[in-house]
C-alpha atoms as a PDB file:
ATOM      1  CA  MET A   1     171.884  56.633  37.714  1.00  0.00           C
ATOM      2  CA  PRO A   2     174.426  59.283  38.294  1.00  0.00           C
ATOM      3  CA  VAL A   3     173.337  62.740  40.039  1.00  0.00           C
ATOM      4  CA  SER A   4     173.810  65.452  37.578  1.00  0.00           C
ATOM      5  CA  LEU A   5     175.872  68.255  38.477  1.00  0.00           C
ATOM      6  CA  PRO A   6     173.798  71.164  40.262  1.00  0.00           C
ATOM      7  CA  PRO A   7     174.513  74.413  38.172  1.00  0.00           C
ATOM      8  CA  ALA A   8     175.268  76.443  41.432  1.00  0.00           C
ATOM      9  CA  LEU A   9     177.915  73.851  42.296  1.00  0.00           C
ATOM     10  CA  GLU A  10     179.345  73.962  38.661  1.00  0.00           C
ATOM     11  CA  LEU A  11     179.493  77.779  38.905  1.00  0.00           C
ATOM     12  CA  SER A  12     181.922  77.305  42.293  1.00  0.00           C
ATOM     13  CA  LEU A  13     184.113  74.381  40.925  1.00  0.00           C
ATOM     14  CA  ASP A  14     187.116  76.721  40.137  1.00  0.00           C
ATOM     15  CA  LEU A  15     186.811  77.489  43.944  1.00  0.00           C
ATOM     16  CA  LEU A  16     187.224  73.745  45.191  1.00  0.00           C
ATOM     17  CA  ARG A  17     190.499  71.751  45.578  1.00  0.00           C
ATOM     18  CA  CYS A  18     190.764  68.133  46.377  1.00  0.00           C
ATOM     19  CA  PRO A  19     190.914  67.654  50.016  1.00  0.00           C
ATOM     20  CA  THR A  20     193.367  64.937  49.935  1.00  0.00           C
ATOM     21  CA  CYS A  21     195.823  66.336  47.609  1.00  0.00           C
ATOM     22  CA  ARG A  22     194.863  69.879  48.791  1.00  0.00           C
ATOM     23  CA  LYS A  23     196.323  71.576  45.567  1.00  0.00           C
ATOM     24  CA  ARG A  24     194.534  69.942  42.709  1.00  0.00           C
ATOM     25  CA  ARG A  25     191.210  70.931  41.150  1.00  0.00           C
ATOM     26  CA  LEU A  26     188.190  68.951  41.291  1.00  0.00           C
ATOM     27  CA  HIS A  27     186.216  68.268  37.886  1.00  0.00           C
ATOM     28  CA  PRO A  28     182.756  66.257  37.579  1.00  0.00           C
ATOM     29  CA  ASP A  29     182.873  62.610  36.609  1.00  0.00           C
ATOM     30  CA  HIS A  30     179.560  60.529  36.370  1.00  0.00           C
ATOM     31  CA  GLY A  31     177.824  62.144  39.415  1.00  0.00           C
ATOM     32  CA  ALA A  32     180.936  62.716  41.681  1.00  0.00           C
ATOM     33  CA  LEU A  33     183.580  65.121  41.832  1.00  0.00           C
ATOM     34  CA  ARG A  34     187.159  63.832  41.089  1.00  0.00           C
ATOM     35  CA  CYS A  35     190.866  65.120  41.077  1.00  0.00           C
ATOM     36  CA  PRO A  36     193.627  64.288  38.520  1.00  0.00           C
ATOM     37  CA  VAL A  37     194.825  61.567  40.809  1.00  0.00           C
ATOM     38  CA  GLY A  38     191.623  59.932  41.135  1.00  0.00           C
ATOM     39  CA  HIS A  39     190.375  60.870  44.541  1.00  0.00           C
ATOM     40  CA  THR A  40     186.622  60.866  44.225  1.00  0.00           C
ATOM     41  CA  PHE A  41     183.777  62.603  46.340  1.00  0.00           C
ATOM     42  CA  ASP A  42     180.048  62.040  45.992  1.00  0.00           C
ATOM     43  CA  ILE A  43     177.345  64.495  44.820  1.00  0.00           C
ATOM     44  CA  ALA A  44     174.465  63.808  46.941  1.00  0.00           C
ATOM     45  CA  ARG A  45     171.368  63.690  45.212  1.00  0.00           C
ATOM     46  CA  HIS A  46     169.967  66.549  47.524  1.00  0.00           C
ATOM     47  CA  GLY A  47     172.763  68.807  45.533  1.00  0.00           C
ATOM     48  CA  TYR A  48     175.594  69.102  47.864  1.00  0.00           C
ATOM     49  CA  ALA A  49     179.129  67.827  47.362  1.00  0.00           C
ATOM     50  CA  GLY A  50     180.670  65.663  50.296  1.00  0.00           C
ATOM     51  CA  LEU A  51     184.201  66.299  50.485  1.00  0.00           C
ATOM     52  CA  LEU A  52     184.851  65.146  54.373  1.00  0.00           C
ATOM     53  CA  THR A  53     187.604  62.877  54.513  1.00  0.00           C
ATOM     54  CA  GLY A  54     188.719  60.453  57.099  1.00  0.00           C
ATOM     55  CA  THR A  55     187.107  60.964  60.587  1.00  0.00           C
ATOM     56  CA  ARG A  56     183.892  62.563  60.252  1.00  0.00           C
ATOM     57  CA  ALA A  57     182.871  65.566  62.195  1.00  0.00           C
ATOM     58  CA  ILE A  58     179.830  64.980  64.522  1.00  0.00           C
ATOM     59  CA  SER A  59     177.375  67.712  64.054  1.00  0.00           C
ATOM     60  CA  GLY A  60     175.168  68.754  66.610  1.00  0.00           C
ATOM     61  CA  ASP A  61     172.593  69.727  63.779  1.00  0.00           C
ATOM     62  CA  ASP A  62     170.412  66.615  63.674  1.00  0.00           C
ATOM     63  CA  ALA A  63     167.105  66.576  61.566  1.00  0.00           C
ATOM     64  CA  ALA A  64     164.744  67.911  64.548  1.00  0.00           C
ATOM     65  CA  MET A  65     167.410  70.914  64.869  1.00  0.00           C
ATOM     66  CA  VAL A  66     167.273  71.581  61.336  1.00  0.00           C
ATOM     67  CA  ARG A  67     163.495  71.529  61.015  1.00  0.00           C
ATOM     68  CA  ALA A  68     163.125  73.747  63.968  1.00  0.00           C
ATOM     69  CA  ARG A  69     165.666  76.118  62.670  1.00  0.00           C
ATOM     70  CA  GLY A  70     163.806  76.225  59.327  1.00  0.00           C
ATOM     71  CA  ARG A  71     160.517  76.808  60.788  1.00  0.00           C
ATOM     72  CA  PHE A  72     161.873  79.569  63.269  1.00  0.00           C
ATOM     73  CA  LEU A  73     164.019  81.322  60.407  1.00  0.00           C
ATOM     74  CA  SER A  74     160.702  81.346  58.229  1.00  0.00           C
ATOM     75  CA  THR A  75     158.851  83.419  60.775  1.00  0.00           C
ATOM     76  CA  GLY A  76     161.066  86.394  59.781  1.00  0.00           C
ATOM     77  CA  THR A  77     162.164  86.919  63.575  1.00  0.00           C
ATOM     78  CA  TYR A  78     165.773  86.969  62.590  1.00  0.00           C
ATOM     79  CA  ALA A  79     165.236  88.834  59.257  1.00  0.00           C
ATOM     80  CA  PRO A  80     167.075  92.089  60.692  1.00  0.00           C
ATOM     81  CA  ILE A  81     170.171  89.980  61.363  1.00  0.00           C
ATOM     82  CA  ARG A  82     170.183  88.648  57.806  1.00  0.00           C
ATOM     83  CA  GLN A  83     169.499  92.377  56.459  1.00  0.00           C
ATOM     84  CA  ALA A  84     172.322  93.479  58.534  1.00  0.00           C
ATOM     85  CA  GLY A  85     174.890  90.845  57.117  1.00  0.00           C
ATOM     86  CA  ALA A  86     173.696  91.270  53.731  1.00  0.00           C
ATOM     87  CA  ARG A  87     174.201  95.139  53.840  1.00  0.00           C
ATOM     88  CA  LEU A  88     177.315  95.014  55.457  1.00  0.00           C
ATOM     89  CA  ALA A  89     178.516  92.721  52.629  1.00  0.00           C
ATOM     90  CA  ALA A  90     177.009  94.782  49.732  1.00  0.00           C
ATOM     91  CA  ASP A  91     178.851  97.733  51.315  1.00  0.00           C
ATOM     92  CA  ALA A  92     182.121  95.911  51.396  1.00  0.00           C
ATOM     93  CA  VAL A  93     182.653  94.209  48.029  1.00  0.00           C
ATOM     94  CA  SER A  94     181.378  94.386  44.346  1.00  0.00           C
ATOM     95  CA  GLU A  95     178.196  92.771  43.024  1.00  0.00           C
ATOM     96  CA  GLN A  96     180.423  90.282  41.156  1.00  0.00           C
ATOM     97  CA  ALA A  97     181.772  88.988  44.605  1.00  0.00           C
ATOM     98  CA  THR A  98     182.281  85.343  45.934  1.00  0.00           C
ATOM     99  CA  VAL A  99     180.739  84.668  49.124  1.00  0.00           C
ATOM    100  CA  VAL A 100     181.867  81.820  51.283  1.00  0.00           C
ATOM    101  CA  ASP A 101     179.557  81.141  54.528  1.00  0.00           C
ATOM    102  CA  VAL A 102     181.369  78.872  57.112  1.00  0.00           C
ATOM    103  CA  GLY A 103     178.929  76.935  59.285  1.00  0.00           C
ATOM    104  CA  CYS A 104     176.212  77.982  56.649  1.00  0.00           C
ATOM    105  CA  GLY A 105     173.176  75.843  58.257  1.00  0.00           C
ATOM    106  CA  THR A 106     170.387  76.021  55.994  1.00  0.00           C
ATOM    107  CA  GLY A 107     171.830  78.917  53.820  1.00  0.00           C
ATOM    108  CA  TYR A 108     169.358  81.521  55.275  1.00  0.00           C
ATOM    109  CA  TYR A 109     172.150  84.261  55.878  1.00  0.00           C
ATOM    110  CA  LEU A 110     174.033  83.224  52.641  1.00  0.00           C
ATOM    111  CA  ALA A 111     170.919  83.716  50.449  1.00  0.00           C
ATOM    112  CA  GLY A 112     170.086  87.093  51.962  1.00  0.00           C
ATOM    113  CA  VAL A 113     173.648  88.248  51.068  1.00  0.00           C
ATOM    114  CA  LEU A 114     173.313  86.943  47.168  1.00  0.00           C
ATOM    115  CA  ASP A 115     169.926  88.818  47.229  1.00  0.00           C
ATOM    116  CA  GLN A 116     171.900  91.787  47.877  1.00  0.00           C
ATOM    117  CA  LEU A 117     174.581  90.971  45.489  1.00  0.00           C
ATOM    118  CA  PRO A 118     172.850  90.198  42.249  1.00  0.00           C
ATOM    119  CA  GLY A 119     176.022  88.954  40.459  1.00  0.00           C
ATOM    120  CA  ALA A 120     177.675  87.092  43.239  1.00  0.00           C
ATOM    121  CA  ARG A 121     178.206  83.489  43.813  1.00  0.00           C
ATOM    122  CA  GLY A 122     177.955  81.652  47.215  1.00  0.00           C
ATOM    123  CA  LEU A 123     179.504  78.484  48.700  1.00  0.00           C
ATOM    124  CA  GLY A 124     178.302  77.216  51.990  1.00  0.00           C
ATOM    125  CA  LEU A 125     180.348  74.964  54.348  1.00  0.00           C
ATOM    126  CA  ASP A 126     178.683  72.840  57.108  1.00  0.00           C
ATOM    127  CA  THR A 127     179.045  69.484  58.666  1.00  0.00           C
ATOM    128  CA  SER A 128     175.336  68.765  58.800  1.00  0.00           C
ATOM    129  CA  VAL A 129     174.117  66.909  56.049  1.00  0.00           C
ATOM    130  CA  ARG A 130     170.413  67.680  57.240  1.00  0.00           C
ATOM    131  CA  ALA A 131     171.326  71.404  56.910  1.00  0.00           C
ATOM    132  CA  LEU A 132     173.215  71.032  53.590  1.00  0.00           C
ATOM    133  CA  ARG A 133     170.106  69.539  51.823  1.00  0.00           C
ATOM    134  CA  SER A 134     168.467  73.024  52.685  1.00  0.00           C
ATOM    135  CA  ALA A 135     171.580  75.005  51.905  1.00  0.00           C
ATOM    136  CA  ALA A 136     171.865  73.377  48.237  1.00  0.00           C
ATOM    137  CA  ARG A 137     168.309  74.529  47.804  1.00  0.00           C
ATOM    138  CA  ALA A 138     168.521  78.099  49.555  1.00  0.00           C
ATOM    139  CA  HIS A 139     169.367  80.203  46.486  1.00  0.00           C
ATOM    140  CA  GLU A 140     170.184  79.501  42.812  1.00  0.00           C
ATOM    141  CA  ARG A 141     173.806  80.982  42.899  1.00  0.00           C
ATOM    142  CA  ALA A 142     174.654  79.046  46.221  1.00  0.00           C
ATOM    143  CA  ALA A 143     176.339  75.799  46.374  1.00  0.00           C
ATOM    144  CA  ALA A 144     176.866  73.656  49.278  1.00  0.00           C
ATOM    145  CA  VAL A 145     179.738  71.306  50.391  1.00  0.00           C
ATOM    146  CA  ALA A 146     179.941  69.086  53.392  1.00  0.00           C
ATOM    147  CA  TRP A 147     183.188  70.085  55.534  1.00  0.00           C
ATOM    148  CA  ASP A 148     184.411  70.718  59.052  1.00  0.00           C
ATOM    149  CA  VAL A 149     185.357  74.196  59.839  1.00  0.00           C
ATOM    150  CA  PHE A 150     188.215  73.210  61.962  1.00  0.00           C
ATOM    151  CA  ARG A 151     190.219  71.466  59.255  1.00  0.00           C
ATOM    152  CA  PRO A 152     192.020  73.282  56.440  1.00  0.00           C
ATOM    153  CA  PHE A 153     189.216  74.250  53.902  1.00  0.00           C
ATOM    154  CA  PRO A 154     189.117  72.434  50.384  1.00  0.00           C
ATOM    155  CA  LEU A 155     189.356  75.877  48.734  1.00  0.00           C
ATOM    156  CA  ALA A 156     192.097  77.507  46.882  1.00  0.00           C
ATOM    157  CA  ASP A 157     194.080  80.534  48.143  1.00  0.00           C
ATOM    158  CA  GLY A 158     192.440  83.944  47.928  1.00  0.00           C
ATOM    159  CA  VAL A 159     189.315  82.833  46.213  1.00  0.00           C
ATOM    160  CA  ALA A 160     186.762  84.702  48.360  1.00  0.00           C
ATOM    161  CA  ASP A 161     185.615  88.222  48.474  1.00  0.00           C
ATOM    162  CA  VAL A 162     183.589  87.647  51.633  1.00  0.00           C
ATOM    163  CA  VAL A 163     183.647  84.999  54.562  1.00  0.00           C
ATOM    164  CA  LEU A 164     180.586  85.270  56.365  1.00  0.00           C
ATOM    165  CA  ASP A 165     180.423  83.660  59.946  1.00  0.00           C
ATOM    166  CA  VAL A 166     177.111  83.867  61.639  1.00  0.00           C
ATOM    167  CA  PHE A 167     176.663  82.125  64.822  1.00  0.00           C
ATOM    168  CA  ALA A 168     179.372  79.538  63.618  1.00  0.00           C
ATOM    169  CA  PRO A 169     182.679  78.298  64.858  1.00  0.00           C
ATOM    170  CA  ARG A 170     185.722  80.212  63.562  1.00  0.00           C
ATOM    171  CA  ASN A 171     188.927  79.241  61.838  1.00  0.00           C
ATOM    172  CA  PRO A 172     190.945  82.520  61.613  1.00  0.00           C
ATOM    173  CA  ALA A 173     193.895  81.030  59.580  1.00  0.00           C
ATOM    174  CA  GLU A 174     191.814  79.329  56.974  1.00  0.00           C
ATOM    175  CA  PHE A 175     189.333  82.761  56.727  1.00  0.00           C
ATOM    176  CA  HIS A 176     192.584  84.610  55.976  1.00  0.00           C
ATOM    177  CA  ARG A 177     194.024  82.159  53.631  1.00  0.00           C
ATOM    178  CA  VAL A 178     190.893  81.820  51.211  1.00  0.00           C
ATOM    179  CA  LEU A 179     190.179  85.619  51.736  1.00  0.00           C
ATOM    180  CA  ARG A 180     191.695  87.824  49.010  1.00  0.00           C
ATOM    181  CA  PRO A 181     193.872  90.706  50.271  1.00  0.00           C
ATOM    182  CA  THR A 182     190.803  93.009  49.477  1.00  0.00           C
ATOM    183  CA  GLY A 183     188.438  90.730  50.940  1.00  0.00           C
ATOM    184  CA  ARG A 184     186.204  91.018  54.167  1.00  0.00           C
ATOM    185  CA  LEU A 185     185.303  88.738  56.969  1.00  0.00           C
ATOM    186  CA  ILE A 186     181.896  89.338  58.452  1.00  0.00           C
ATOM    187  CA  VAL A 187     181.336  87.792  61.739  1.00  0.00           C
ATOM    188  CA  ILE A 188     177.916  88.068  63.650  1.00  0.00           C
ATOM    189  CA  ARG A 189     177.465  86.621  67.006  1.00  0.00           C
ATOM    190  CA  PRO A 190     175.358  87.036  70.061  1.00  0.00           C
ATOM    191  CA  THR A 191     175.575  89.769  73.012  1.00  0.00           C
ATOM    192  CA  GLY A 192     175.102  88.885  76.544  1.00  0.00           C
ATOM    193  CA  ARG A 193     171.559  90.443  76.032  1.00  0.00           C
ATOM    194  CA  HIS A 194     170.714  87.921  73.366  1.00  0.00           C
ATOM    195  CA  LEU A 195     167.508  85.873  74.366  1.00  0.00           C
ATOM    196  CA  ALA A 196     168.141  86.940  77.900  1.00  0.00           C
ATOM    197  CA  GLU A 197     164.378  86.530  78.683  1.00  0.00           C
ATOM    198  CA  LEU A 198     164.653  82.931  77.574  1.00  0.00           C
ATOM    199  CA  ARG A 199     167.910  82.000  79.211  1.00  0.00           C
ATOM    200  CA  GLY A 200     166.564  83.546  82.400  1.00  0.00           C
ATOM    201  CA  ARG A 201     163.696  81.146  82.316  1.00  0.00           C
ATOM    202  CA  LEU A 202     165.454  78.079  81.423  1.00  0.00           C
ATOM    203  CA  PRO A 203     168.545  77.845  83.386  1.00  0.00           C
ATOM    204  CA  ALA A 204     169.686  74.706  81.412  1.00  0.00           C
ATOM    205  CA  MET A 205     170.061  76.661  78.288  1.00  0.00           C
ATOM    206  CA  VAL A 206     173.697  77.022  76.946  1.00  0.00           C
ATOM    207  CA  THR A 207     174.849  80.636  78.299  1.00  0.00           C
ATOM    208  CA  ILE A 208     176.899  83.289  76.543  1.00  0.00           C
ATOM    209  CA  ASP A 209     180.450  83.364  78.053  1.00  0.00           C
ATOM    210  CA  PRO A 210     181.072  87.117  79.246  1.00  0.00           C
ATOM    211  CA  ALA A 211     184.624  86.807  77.971  1.00  0.00           C
ATOM    212  CA  LYS A 212     183.517  85.686  74.432  1.00  0.00           C
ATOM    213  CA  GLU A 213     184.160  89.135  72.957  1.00  0.00           C
ATOM    214  CA  GLN A 214     187.592  89.410  74.315  1.00  0.00           C
ATOM    215  CA  ARG A 215     188.280  85.729  73.167  1.00  0.00           C
ATOM    216  CA  LEU A 216     187.112  86.472  69.591  1.00  0.00           C
ATOM    217  CA  HIS A 217     189.352  89.603  69.195  1.00  0.00           C
ATOM    218  CA  ARG A 218     192.096  87.770  70.696  1.00  0.00           C
ATOM    219  CA  THR A 219     192.002  84.866  67.976  1.00  0.00           C
ATOM    220  CA  LEU A 220     191.217  87.157  65.173  1.00  0.00           C
ATOM    221  CA  ALA A 221     193.874  89.858  65.756  1.00  0.00           C
ATOM    222  CA  PRO A 222     196.904  88.143  64.263  1.00  0.00           C
ATOM    223  CA  PHE A 223     195.106  87.844  61.007  1.00  0.00           C
ATOM    224  CA  PHE A 224     192.375  90.739  60.930  1.00  0.00           C
ATOM    225  CA  GLU A 225     191.748  93.944  62.232  1.00  0.00           C
ATOM    226  CA  ALA A 226     188.158  95.432  62.764  1.00  0.00           C
ATOM    227  CA  ALA A 227     186.843  97.866  60.409  1.00  0.00           C
ATOM    228  CA  VAL A 228     183.089  98.451  61.113  1.00  0.00           C
ATOM    229  CA  THR A 229     180.940  97.060  63.945  1.00  0.00           C
ATOM    230  CA  GLU A 230     177.138  97.260  64.276  1.00  0.00           C
ATOM    231  CA  ARG A 231     175.005  96.330  67.096  1.00  0.00           C
ATOM    232  CA  VAL A 232     171.391  94.548  65.940  1.00  0.00           C
ATOM    233  CA  GLU A 233     169.160  94.581  68.925  1.00  0.00           C
ATOM    234  CA  TYR A 234     165.275  94.637  68.937  1.00  0.00           C
ATOM    235  CA  PRO A 235     162.530  92.907  71.058  1.00  0.00           C
ATOM    236  CA  ALA A 236     160.686  89.990  69.009  1.00  0.00           C
ATOM    237  CA  THR A 237     157.050  88.560  69.843  1.00  0.00           C
ATOM    238  CA  LEU A 238     157.036  84.741  70.164  1.00  0.00           C
ATOM    239  CA  THR A 239     154.392  82.330  69.683  1.00  0.00           C
ATOM    240  CA  ARG A 240     154.588  79.228  71.907  1.00  0.00           C
ATOM    241  CA  LEU A 241     155.760  77.172  68.878  1.00  0.00           C
ATOM    242  CA  ASP A 242     158.196  79.719  68.025  1.00  0.00           C
ATOM    243  CA  ALA A 243     159.733  79.597  71.513  1.00  0.00           C
ATOM    244  CA  LEU A 244     159.937  75.743  71.387  1.00  0.00           C
ATOM    245  CA  ASP A 245     161.689  76.052  68.034  1.00  0.00           C
ATOM    246  CA  LEU A 246     164.102  78.697  69.310  1.00  0.00           C
ATOM    247  CA  VAL A 247     165.281  76.288  72.050  1.00  0.00           C
ATOM    248  CA  ALA A 248     165.308  73.140  69.608  1.00  0.00           C
ATOM    249  CA  MET A 249     167.372  74.871  66.988  1.00  0.00           C
ATOM    250  CA  THR A 250     170.336  75.318  69.037  1.00  0.00           C
ATOM    251  CA  PRO A 251     172.448  73.151  71.206  1.00  0.00           C
ATOM    252  CA  SER A 252     170.589  73.976  74.166  1.00  0.00           C
ATOM    253  CA  ALA A 253     167.870  71.399  73.017  1.00  0.00           C
ATOM    254  CA  HIS A 254     170.203  68.869  74.380  1.00  0.00           C
ATOM    255  CA  HIS A 255     169.962  70.372  77.874  1.00  0.00           C
ATOM    256  CA  VAL A 256     166.555  71.605  78.659  1.00  0.00           C
ATOM    257  CA  SER A 257     164.247  68.988  79.911  1.00  0.00           C
ATOM    258  CA  ARG A 258     160.754  68.083  78.234  1.00  0.00           C
ATOM    259  CA  ALA A 259     159.038  69.005  81.495  1.00  0.00           C
ATOM    260  CA  ASP A 260     160.292  72.570  81.398  1.00  0.00           C
ATOM    261  CA  LEU A 261     159.036  72.964  77.821  1.00  0.00           C
ATOM    262  CA  ASP A 262     155.722  71.685  78.553  1.00  0.00           C
ATOM    263  CA  ASP A 263     155.347  74.472  81.163  1.00  0.00           C
ATOM    264  CA  ASP A 264     153.647  77.112  79.507  1.00  0.00           C
ATOM    265  CA  GLY A 265     154.732  79.493  82.117  1.00  0.00           C
ATOM    266  CA  LEU A 266     158.368  79.264  81.549  1.00  0.00           C
ATOM    267  CA  LEU A 267     158.274  80.268  77.954  1.00  0.00           C
ATOM    268  CA  PRO A 268     158.364  84.051  77.241  1.00  0.00           C
ATOM    269  CA  ASP A 269     155.901  85.506  74.577  1.00  0.00           C
ATOM    270  CA  GLN A 270     158.776  88.272  74.079  1.00  0.00           C
ATOM    271  CA  VAL A 271     162.755  88.047  73.910  1.00  0.00           C
ATOM    272  CA  THR A 272     165.620  90.552  73.122  1.00  0.00           C
ATOM    273  CA  VAL A 273     167.494  89.641  69.857  1.00  0.00           C
ATOM    274  CA  SER A 274     170.994  91.338  70.468  1.00  0.00           C
ATOM    275  CA  VAL A 275     173.978  90.634  68.384  1.00  0.00           C
ATOM    276  CA  LEU A 276     177.177  92.226  67.043  1.00  0.00           C
ATOM    277  CA  ALA A 277     178.036  92.263  63.399  1.00  0.00           C
ATOM    278  CA  THR A 278     181.804  93.109  62.521  1.00  0.00           C
ATOM    279  CA  VAL A 279     183.420  93.535  59.461  1.00  0.00           C
ATOM    280  CA  TYR A 280     187.056  92.568  59.316  1.00  0.00           C
ATOM    281  CA  GLN A 281     189.845  93.299  57.071  1.00  0.00           C
ATOM    282  CA  PRO A 282     192.734  91.133  56.553  1.00  0.00           C
ATOM    283  CA  ARG A 283     196.147  92.282  57.862  1.00  0.00           C
END
């Protein structure tokens, strides 16, 4: 039985372009999306569209990571980060905005932006089908599409008012292409102080490169200039389960040993949450 077209995906169809043809629009056809030439892409029963073609990206976000992230985000520990992104978006664009969240994960941050913009629509891109199952249900105005951030996006030129990038890889040229000239890019990333207490006790955790900020600005500079930067930093109290989920929801899950996680003394009951949130305008 064909899958019905999710309302949020129908709302975003005008944004999408066939990833094979690159320029042709997609239309719904018996539980799939099809371009005029006949290239066809499935709509999963979970509600997201699978537009990836050719060699598939290998996502680190497996089922266990997505479950851990869902549990951790539901505690509200990262709510101030979500609120900061939503506030910056609301300050930059109108309530009727189109928001594209690149590397959207479970859709947590995109949903926060859409809550702040009652007339906006959202589209999340991610490679993890496990995460996309949640992203497709994260908000009634948020659609979700399987896509690899490092490839040209299956989107028309100049359709987004906001491109949101939270703890995600970046593709500056594509960000610039899909943004309107008046649009804004919002990048949220960790500082060197982020989760320092946890990383200090678990050396196997992925570290934050001290040159990360310089590299970020160097890669964005040809396309964007920074308009506003905010630091969001606060102490967060963790239960043991919170700490385990915080490790398990990141790539560090592949590096930290089970023995370390079983040692209660190694898991802190408080960490510093520290991120920078920058609004960029296109050059």
